[in-house]
PDB file of N, CA and C in Angstrom:
ATOM      1  N   MET A   1       0.838  -1.180   0.000  1.00  0.00           N
ATOM      2  CA  MET A   1       0.000   0.000   0.000  1.00  0.00           C
ATOM      3  C   MET A   1       0.885   1.246   0.000  1.00  0.00           C
ATOM      4  N   LYS A   2       0.525   2.188  -0.844  1.00  0.00           N
ATOM      5  CA  LYS A   2       1.234   3.464  -0.885  1.00  0.00           C
ATOM      6  C   LYS A   2       0.501   4.448   0.026  1.00  0.00           C
ATOM      7  N   ILE A   3       1.259   5.120   0.893  1.00  0.00           N
ATOM      8  CA  ILE A   3       0.672   6.089   1.817  1.00  0.00           C
ATOM      9  C   ILE A   3       1.368   7.433   1.644  1.00  0.00           C
ATOM     10  N   ASP A   4       0.578   8.460   1.359  1.00  0.00           N
ATOM     11  CA  ASP A   4       1.079   9.827   1.259  1.00  0.00           C
ATOM     12  C   ASP A   4       0.522  10.641   2.425  1.00  0.00           C
ATOM     13  N   TYR A   5       1.121  11.816   2.625  1.00  0.00           N
ATOM     14  CA  TYR A   5       0.714  12.705   3.716  1.00  0.00           C
ATOM     15  C   TYR A   5       0.638  14.124   3.179  1.00  0.00           C
ATOM     16  N   SER A   6      -0.460  14.806   3.451  1.00  0.00           N
ATOM     17  CA  SER A   6      -0.588  16.203   3.027  1.00  0.00           C
ATOM     18  C   SER A   6       0.318  17.078   3.888  1.00  0.00           C
ATOM     19  N   ARG A   7       0.628  18.260   3.394  1.00  0.00           N
ATOM     20  CA  ARG A   7       1.438  19.213   4.172  1.00  0.00           C
ATOM     21  C   ARG A   7       0.756  19.540   5.500  1.00  0.00           C
ATOM     22  N   LYS A   8      -0.537  19.731   5.439  1.00  0.00           N
ATOM     23  CA  LYS A   8      -1.314  20.042   6.642  1.00  0.00           C
ATOM     24  C   LYS A   8      -1.166  18.927   7.676  1.00  0.00           C
ATOM     25  N   PHE A   9      -1.267  17.680   7.218  1.00  0.00           N
ATOM     26  CA  PHE A   9      -1.150  16.544   8.134  1.00  0.00           C
ATOM     27  C   PHE A   9       0.241  16.497   8.763  1.00  0.00           C
ATOM     28  N   ILE A  10       1.271  16.636   7.948  1.00  0.00           N
ATOM     29  CA  ILE A  10       2.651  16.589   8.451  1.00  0.00           C
ATOM     30  C   ILE A  10       2.883  17.695   9.475  1.00  0.00           C
ATOM     31  N   LYS A  11       2.397  18.884   9.170  1.00  0.00           N
ATOM     32  CA  LYS A  11       2.558  20.020  10.083  1.00  0.00           C
ATOM     33  C   LYS A  11       1.885  19.738  11.429  1.00  0.00           C
ATOM     34  N   LYS A  12       0.662  19.216  11.395  1.00  0.00           N
ATOM     35  CA  LYS A  12      -0.051  18.921  12.636  1.00  0.00           C
ATOM     36  C   LYS A  12       0.616  17.783  13.407  1.00  0.00           C
ATOM     37  N   LEU A  13       1.122  16.787  12.696  1.00  0.00           N
ATOM     38  CA  LEU A  13       1.800  15.672  13.362  1.00  0.00           C
ATOM     39  C   LEU A  13       3.061  16.165  14.065  1.00  0.00           C
ATOM     40  N   LYS A  14       3.827  17.023  13.397  1.00  0.00           N
ATOM     41  CA  LYS A  14       5.050  17.557  14.003  1.00  0.00           C
ATOM     42  C   LYS A  14       4.748  18.415  15.229  1.00  0.00           C
ATOM     43  N   LYS A  15       3.624  19.138  15.204  1.00  0.00           N
ATOM     44  CA  LYS A  15       3.263  20.011  16.324  1.00  0.00           C
ATOM     45  C   LYS A  15       2.615  19.254  17.482  1.00  0.00           C
ATOM     46  N   SER A  16       2.146  18.049  17.223  1.00  0.00           N
ATOM     47  CA  SER A  16       1.481  17.284  18.285  1.00  0.00           C
ATOM     48  C   SER A  16       2.509  16.790  19.299  1.00  0.00           C
ATOM     49  N   ASN A  17       2.034  16.456  20.485  1.00  0.00           N
ATOM     50  CA  ASN A  17       2.969  15.998  21.513  1.00  0.00           C
ATOM     51  C   ASN A  17       3.459  14.578  21.211  1.00  0.00           C
ATOM     52  N   LYS A  18       4.500  14.183  21.902  1.00  0.00           N
ATOM     53  CA  LYS A  18       5.151  12.895  21.629  1.00  0.00           C
ATOM     54  C   LYS A  18       4.184  11.721  21.786  1.00  0.00           C
ATOM     55  N   LYS A  19       3.305  11.780  22.769  1.00  0.00           N
ATOM     56  CA  LYS A  19       2.343  10.700  23.005  1.00  0.00           C
ATOM     57  C   LYS A  19       1.463  10.476  21.771  1.00  0.00           C
ATOM     58  N   ILE A  20       1.025  11.550  21.150  1.00  0.00           N
ATOM     59  CA  ILE A  20       0.174  11.455  19.954  1.00  0.00           C
ATOM     60  C   ILE A  20       0.978  10.908  18.780  1.00  0.00           C
ATOM     61  N   ARG A  21       2.203  11.391  18.605  1.00  0.00           N
ATOM     62  CA  ARG A  21       3.044  10.894  17.506  1.00  0.00           C
ATOM     63  C   ARG A  21       3.310   9.397  17.641  1.00  0.00           C
ATOM     64  N   VAL A  22       3.660   8.961  18.839  1.00  0.00           N
ATOM     65  CA  VAL A  22       3.919   7.535  19.078  1.00  0.00           C
ATOM     66  C   VAL A  22       2.654   6.721  18.801  1.00  0.00           C
ATOM     67  N   ALA A  23       1.516   7.199  19.295  1.00  0.00           N
ATOM     68  CA  ALA A  23       0.244   6.504  19.073  1.00  0.00           C
ATOM     69  C   ALA A  23      -0.083   6.431  17.583  1.00  0.00           C
ATOM     70  N   PHE A  24       0.176   7.526  16.840  1.00  0.00           N
ATOM     71  CA  PHE A  24      -0.101   7.510  15.402  1.00  0.00           C
ATOM     72  C   PHE A  24       0.737   6.448  14.703  1.00  0.00           C
ATOM     73  N   TYR A  25       2.027   6.389  14.989  1.00  0.00           N
ATOM     74  CA  TYR A  25       2.883   5.418  14.307  1.00  0.00           C
ATOM     75  C   TYR A  25       2.515   3.982  14.665  1.00  0.00           C
ATOM     76  N   LYS A  26       2.057   3.744  15.878  1.00  0.00           N
ATOM     77  CA  LYS A  26       1.573   2.405  16.247  1.00  0.00           C
ATOM     78  C   LYS A  26       0.336   2.050  15.429  1.00  0.00           C
ATOM     79  N   LYS A  27      -0.587   3.003  15.319  1.00  0.00           N
ATOM     80  CA  LYS A  27      -1.805   2.753  14.539  1.00  0.00           C
ATOM     81  C   LYS A  27      -1.487   2.639  13.050  1.00  0.00           C
ATOM     82  N   LEU A  28      -0.484   3.372  12.589  1.00  0.00           N
ATOM     83  CA  LEU A  28      -0.086   3.286  11.186  1.00  0.00           C
ATOM     84  C   LEU A  28       0.410   1.884  10.852  1.00  0.00           C
ATOM     85  N   ASN A  29       1.152   1.264  11.755  1.00  0.00           N
ATOM     86  CA  ASN A  29       1.614  -0.112  11.531  1.00  0.00           C
ATOM     87  C   ASN A  29       0.436  -1.073  11.415  1.00  0.00           C
ATOM     88  N   ILE A  30      -0.568  -0.883  12.254  1.00  0.00           N
ATOM     89  CA  ILE A  30      -1.776  -1.707  12.163  1.00  0.00           C
ATOM     90  C   ILE A  30      -2.475  -1.439  10.832  1.00  0.00           C
ATOM     91  N   PHE A  31      -2.584  -0.167  10.467  1.00  0.00           N
ATOM     92  CA  PHE A  31      -3.236   0.260   9.224  1.00  0.00           C
ATOM     93  C   PHE A  31      -2.576  -0.393   8.011  1.00  0.00           C
ATOM     94  N   ARG A  32      -1.254  -0.436   8.004  1.00  0.00           N
ATOM     95  CA  ARG A  32      -0.526  -1.026   6.871  1.00  0.00           C
ATOM     96  C   ARG A  32      -0.828  -2.517   6.713  1.00  0.00           C
ATOM     97  N   SER A  33      -1.015  -3.205   7.834  1.00  0.00           N
ATOM     98  CA  SER A  33      -1.253  -4.647   7.746  1.00  0.00           C
ATOM     99  C   SER A  33      -2.726  -4.992   7.516  1.00  0.00           C
ATOM    100  N   ASN A  34      -3.641  -4.180   8.056  1.00  0.00           N
ATOM    101  CA  ASN A  34      -5.073  -4.423   7.866  1.00  0.00           C
ATOM    102  C   ASN A  34      -5.824  -3.111   8.058  1.00  0.00           C
ATOM    103  N   ILE A  35      -6.184  -2.502   6.967  1.00  0.00           N
ATOM    104  CA  ILE A  35      -6.814  -1.183   6.980  1.00  0.00           C
ATOM    105  C   ILE A  35      -8.126  -1.158   7.777  1.00  0.00           C
ATOM    106  N   TYR A  36      -8.771  -2.312   7.904  1.00  0.00           N
ATOM    107  CA  TYR A  36     -10.049  -2.379   8.620  1.00  0.00           C
ATOM    108  C   TYR A  36      -9.943  -3.085   9.973  1.00  0.00           C
ATOM    109  N   ASP A  37      -8.747  -3.167  10.537  1.00  0.00           N
ATOM    110  CA  ASP A  37      -8.572  -3.751  11.868  1.00  0.00           C
ATOM    111  C   ASP A  37      -9.480  -3.013  12.854  1.00  0.00           C
ATOM    112  N   GLN A  38     -10.159  -3.748  13.706  1.00  0.00           N
ATOM    113  CA  GLN A  38     -11.128  -3.146  14.632  1.00  0.00           C
ATOM    114  C   GLN A  38     -10.505  -2.125  15.567  1.00  0.00           C
ATOM    115  N   ARG A  39      -9.226  -2.276  15.876  1.00  0.00           N
ATOM    116  CA  ARG A  39      -8.558  -1.328  16.777  1.00  0.00           C
ATOM    117  C   ARG A  39      -8.477   0.072  16.183  1.00  0.00           C
ATOM    118  N   LEU A  40      -8.612   0.183  14.868  1.00  0.00           N
ATOM    119  CA  LEU A  40      -8.548   1.487  14.197  1.00  0.00           C
ATOM    120  C   LEU A  40      -9.890   2.220  14.208  1.00  0.00           C
ATOM    121  N   GLU A  41     -10.961   1.489  14.408  1.00  0.00           N
ATOM    122  CA  GLU A  41     -12.308   2.070  14.326  1.00  0.00           C
ATOM    123  C   GLU A  41     -12.479   2.862  13.031  1.00  0.00           C
ATOM    124  N   ASN A  42     -11.998   2.296  11.934  1.00  0.00           N
ATOM    125  CA  ASN A  42     -12.027   2.918  10.618  1.00  0.00           C
ATOM    126  C   ASN A  42     -13.472   3.074  10.154  1.00  0.00           C
ATOM    127  N   HIS A  43     -13.826   4.305   9.757  1.00  0.00           N
ATOM    128  CA  HIS A  43     -15.179   4.529   9.272  1.00  0.00           C
ATOM    129  C   HIS A  43     -15.235   5.687   8.287  1.00  0.00           C
ATOM    130  N   LYS A  44     -16.234   5.601   7.412  1.00  0.00           N
ATOM    131  CA  LYS A  44     -16.488   6.644   6.420  1.00  0.00           C
ATOM    132  C   LYS A  44     -17.176   7.816   7.112  1.00  0.00           C
ATOM    133  N   LEU A  45     -16.857   9.020   6.659  1.00  0.00           N
ATOM    134  CA  LEU A  45     -17.443  10.219   7.260  1.00  0.00           C
ATOM    135  C   LEU A  45     -18.637  10.705   6.449  1.00  0.00           C
ATOM    136  N   ASN A  46     -19.394  11.609   7.034  1.00  0.00           N
ATOM    137  CA  ASN A  46     -20.612  12.139   6.410  1.00  0.00           C
ATOM    138  C   ASN A  46     -20.511  13.648   6.227  1.00  0.00           C
ATOM    139  N   GLY A  47     -21.494  14.198   5.559  1.00  0.00           N
ATOM    140  CA  GLY A  47     -21.582  15.649   5.401  1.00  0.00           C
ATOM    141  C   GLY A  47     -20.548  16.202   4.440  1.00  0.00           C
ATOM    142  N   GLU A  48     -19.985  17.359   4.790  1.00  0.00           N
ATOM    143  CA  GLU A  48     -19.038  18.054   3.915  1.00  0.00           C
ATOM    144  C   GLU A  48     -17.743  17.275   3.709  1.00  0.00           C
ATOM    145  N   ILE A  49     -17.449  16.351   4.606  1.00  0.00           N
ATOM    146  CA  ILE A  49     -16.207  15.574   4.493  1.00  0.00           C
ATOM    147  C   ILE A  49     -16.503  14.108   4.173  1.00  0.00           C
ATOM    148  N   LYS A  50     -17.578  13.878   3.413  1.00  0.00           N
ATOM    149  CA  LYS A  50     -18.022  12.516   3.132  1.00  0.00           C
ATOM    150  C   LYS A  50     -17.054  11.715   2.261  1.00  0.00           C
ATOM    151  N   ASN A  51     -16.118  12.367   1.606  1.00  0.00           N
ATOM    152  CA  ASN A  51     -15.141  11.644   0.790  1.00  0.00           C
ATOM    153  C   ASN A  51     -13.960  11.138   1.624  1.00  0.00           C
ATOM    154  N   LEU A  52     -13.958  11.443   2.926  1.00  0.00           N
ATOM    155  CA  LEU A  52     -12.858  11.049   3.808  1.00  0.00           C
ATOM    156  C   LEU A  52     -13.252   9.886   4.701  1.00  0.00           C
ATOM    157  N   ARG A  53     -12.219   9.243   5.255  1.00  0.00           N
ATOM    158  CA  ARG A  53     -12.395   8.201   6.261  1.00  0.00           C
ATOM    159  C   ARG A  53     -11.588   8.596   7.487  1.00  0.00           C
ATOM    160  N   SER A  54     -11.928   8.026   8.625  1.00  0.00           N
ATOM    161  CA  SER A  54     -11.273   8.367   9.882  1.00  0.00           C
ATOM    162  C   SER A  54     -10.788   7.109  10.585  1.00  0.00           C
ATOM    163  N   ILE A  55      -9.611   7.212  11.213  1.00  0.00           N
ATOM    164  CA  ILE A  55      -9.156   6.149  12.107  1.00  0.00           C
ATOM    165  C   ILE A  55      -8.888   6.758  13.480  1.00  0.00           C
ATOM    166  N   ASN A  56      -9.064   5.950  14.497  1.00  0.00           N
ATOM    167  CA  ASN A  56      -8.867   6.365  15.877  1.00  0.00           C
ATOM    168  C   ASN A  56      -7.384   6.268  16.229  1.00  0.00           C
ATOM    169  N   ILE A  57      -6.815   7.359  16.739  1.00  0.00           N
ATOM    170  CA  ILE A  57      -5.416   7.368  17.173  1.00  0.00           C
ATOM    171  C   ILE A  57      -5.343   7.174  18.684  1.00  0.00           C
ATOM    172  N   THR A  58      -6.105   7.952  19.425  1.00  0.00           N
ATOM    173  CA  THR A  58      -6.263   7.777  20.877  1.00  0.00           C
ATOM    174  C   THR A  58      -7.753   7.928  21.157  1.00  0.00           C
ATOM    175  N   GLY A  59      -8.120   8.002  22.408  1.00  0.00           N
ATOM    176  CA  GLY A  59      -9.527   8.167  22.741  1.00  0.00           C
ATOM    177  C   GLY A  59     -10.176   9.359  22.064  1.00  0.00           C
ATOM    178  N   ASP A  60      -9.440  10.467  21.917  1.00  0.00           N
ATOM    179  CA  ASP A  60     -10.012  11.685  21.339  1.00  0.00           C
ATOM    180  C   ASP A  60      -9.378  12.088  20.009  1.00  0.00           C
ATOM    181  N   TRP A  61      -8.208  11.586  19.683  1.00  0.00           N
ATOM    182  CA  TRP A  61      -7.499  11.994  18.468  1.00  0.00           C
ATOM    183  C   TRP A  61      -7.841  11.092  17.292  1.00  0.00           C
ATOM    184  N   ARG A  62      -7.996  11.722  16.111  1.00  0.00           N
ATOM    185  CA  ARG A  62      -8.323  11.015  14.878  1.00  0.00           C
ATOM    186  C   ARG A  62      -7.368  11.433  13.765  1.00  0.00           C
ATOM    187  N   ALA A  63      -7.176  10.532  12.816  1.00  0.00           N
ATOM    188  CA  ALA A  63      -6.444  10.841  11.588  1.00  0.00           C
ATOM    189  C   ALA A  63      -7.415  10.622  10.433  1.00  0.00           C
ATOM    190  N   LEU A  64      -7.518  11.615   9.554  1.00  0.00           N
ATOM    191  CA  LEU A  64      -8.412  11.531   8.409  1.00  0.00           C
ATOM    192  C   LEU A  64      -7.609  11.228   7.158  1.00  0.00           C
ATOM    193  N   TYR A  65      -8.176  10.370   6.315  1.00  0.00           N
ATOM    194  CA  TYR A  65      -7.491  10.031   5.071  1.00  0.00           C
ATOM    195  C   TYR A  65      -8.496   9.884   3.941  1.00  0.00           C
ATOM    196  N   ILE A  66      -7.959   9.883   2.728  1.00  0.00           N
ATOM    197  CA  ILE A  66      -8.772   9.711   1.530  1.00  0.00           C
ATOM    198  C   ILE A  66      -8.180   8.567   0.715  1.00  0.00           C
ATOM    199  N   ASP A  67      -9.057   7.756   0.131  1.00  0.00           N
ATOM    200  CA  ASP A  67      -8.620   6.705  -0.789  1.00  0.00           C
ATOM    201  C   ASP A  67      -8.326   7.366  -2.133  1.00  0.00           C
ATOM    202  N   LEU A  68      -7.123   7.160  -2.642  1.00  0.00           N
ATOM    203  CA  LEU A  68      -6.751   7.783  -3.912  1.00  0.00           C
ATOM    204  C   LEU A  68      -6.945   6.853  -5.101  1.00  0.00           C
ATOM    205  N   ASP A  69      -7.363   5.620  -4.835  1.00  0.00           N
ATOM    206  CA  ASP A  69      -7.729   4.713  -5.914  1.00  0.00           C
ATOM    207  C   ASP A  69      -8.851   3.803  -5.431  1.00  0.00           C
ATOM    208  N   ASP A  70      -9.495   3.114  -6.351  1.00  0.00           N
ATOM    209  CA  ASP A  70     -10.644   2.272  -6.001  1.00  0.00           C
ATOM    210  C   ASP A  70     -10.261   0.997  -5.262  1.00  0.00           C
ATOM    211  N   LYS A  71      -9.020   0.597  -5.356  1.00  0.00           N
ATOM    212  CA  LYS A  71      -8.582  -0.665  -4.757  1.00  0.00           C
ATOM    213  C   LYS A  71      -8.017  -0.489  -3.350  1.00  0.00           C
ATOM    214  N   ILE A  72      -8.037   0.728  -2.844  1.00  0.00           N
ATOM    215  CA  ILE A  72      -7.494   1.076  -1.522  1.00  0.00           C
ATOM    216  C   ILE A  72      -6.025   0.655  -1.420  1.00  0.00           C
ATOM    217  N   GLU A  73      -5.287   0.854  -2.501  1.00  0.00           N
ATOM    218  CA  GLU A  73      -3.855   0.567  -2.505  1.00  0.00           C
ATOM    219  C   GLU A  73      -3.035   1.844  -2.371  1.00  0.00           C
ATOM    220  N   TRP A  74      -3.717   2.988  -2.414  1.00  0.00           N
ATOM    221  CA  TRP A  74      -3.043   4.275  -2.313  1.00  0.00           C
ATOM    222  C   TRP A  74      -3.938   5.214  -1.517  1.00  0.00           C
ATOM    223  N   VAL A  75      -3.446   5.679  -0.377  1.00  0.00           N
ATOM    224  CA  VAL A  75      -4.215   6.591   0.473  1.00  0.00           C
ATOM    225  C   VAL A  75      -3.360   7.800   0.825  1.00  0.00           C
ATOM    226  N   GLU A  76      -4.033   8.873   1.214  1.00  0.00           N
ATOM    227  CA  GLU A  76      -3.328  10.061   1.691  1.00  0.00           C
ATOM    228  C   GLU A  76      -3.961  10.512   2.998  1.00  0.00           C
ATOM    229  N   PHE A  77      -3.131  10.628   4.041  1.00  0.00           N
ATOM    230  CA  PHE A  77      -3.595  11.203   5.295  1.00  0.00           C
ATOM    231  C   PHE A  77      -3.628  12.713   5.112  1.00  0.00           C
ATOM    232  N   VAL A  78      -4.793  13.319   5.405  1.00  0.00           N
ATOM    233  CA  VAL A  78      -4.985  14.735   5.104  1.00  0.00           C
ATOM    234  C   VAL A  78      -5.178  15.624   6.326  1.00  0.00           C
ATOM    235  N   ASP A  79      -5.545  15.047   7.474  1.00  0.00           N
ATOM    236  CA  ASP A  79      -5.762  15.873   8.660  1.00  0.00           C
ATOM    237  C   ASP A  79      -5.599  15.036   9.917  1.00  0.00           C
ATOM    238  N   LEU A  80      -5.274  15.726  11.004  1.00  0.00           N
ATOM    239  CA  LEU A  80      -5.042  15.094  12.294  1.00  0.00           C
ATOM    240  C   LEU A  80      -5.515  16.050  13.372  1.00  0.00           C
ATOM    241  N   GLY A  81      -6.212  15.534  14.360  1.00  0.00           N
ATOM    242  CA  GLY A  81      -6.649  16.400  15.450  1.00  0.00           C
ATOM    243  C   GLY A  81      -7.615  15.698  16.374  1.00  0.00           C
ATOM    244  N   THR A  82      -8.107  16.465  17.336  1.00  0.00           N
ATOM    245  CA  THR A  82      -9.088  15.913  18.260  1.00  0.00           C
ATOM    246  C   THR A  82     -10.438  15.817  17.560  1.00  0.00           C
ATOM    247  N   HIS A  83     -11.297  15.032  18.134  1.00  0.00           N
ATOM    248  CA  HIS A  83     -12.633  14.852  17.573  1.00  0.00           C
ATOM    249  C   HIS A  83     -13.326  16.201  17.379  1.00  0.00           C
ATOM    250  N   SER A  84     -13.270  17.058  18.388  1.00  0.00           N
ATOM    251  CA  SER A  84     -13.962  18.355  18.289  1.00  0.00           C
ATOM    252  C   SER A  84     -13.314  19.295  17.272  1.00  0.00           C
ATOM    253  N   GLU A  85     -12.008  19.201  17.072  1.00  0.00           N
ATOM    254  CA  GLU A  85     -11.330  20.036  16.071  1.00  0.00           C
ATOM    255  C   GLU A  85     -11.724  19.621  14.654  1.00  0.00           C
ATOM    256  N   LEU A  86     -11.818  18.339  14.415  1.00  0.00           N
ATOM    257  CA  LEU A  86     -12.039  17.832  13.067  1.00  0.00           C
ATOM    258  C   LEU A  86     -13.499  17.844  12.637  1.00  0.00           C
ATOM    259  N   TYR A  87     -14.403  17.660  13.584  1.00  0.00           N
ATOM    260  CA  TYR A  87     -15.823  17.522  13.246  1.00  0.00           C
ATOM    261  C   TYR A  87     -16.627  18.710  13.737  1.00  0.00           C
ATOM    262  N   LYS A  88     -16.238  19.915  13.343  1.00  0.00           N
ATOM    263  CA  LYS A  88     -16.939  21.145  13.751  1.00  0.00           C
ATOM    264  C   LYS A  88     -18.244  21.285  13.014  1.00  0.00           C
TER     265      LYS A  88
END
């Protein structure tokens, strides 16, 4: 699977605290092996961001991504933040 990261995502990841970064990389390893692993709580979003999907990083932190092909072999992480920041 090819994984890209938007500038916005990289910037937010770098600014996040170490606990969030470590948690993201742990979840990324799970994501690489099974995109729908239950520990990720992977789900499609609704409304204005309906083309995105979300995975759970910690209890409150989420990473948003978009499928860049129909086979889910290429994705791009586009945003990172708390539930309230992302779903305003």
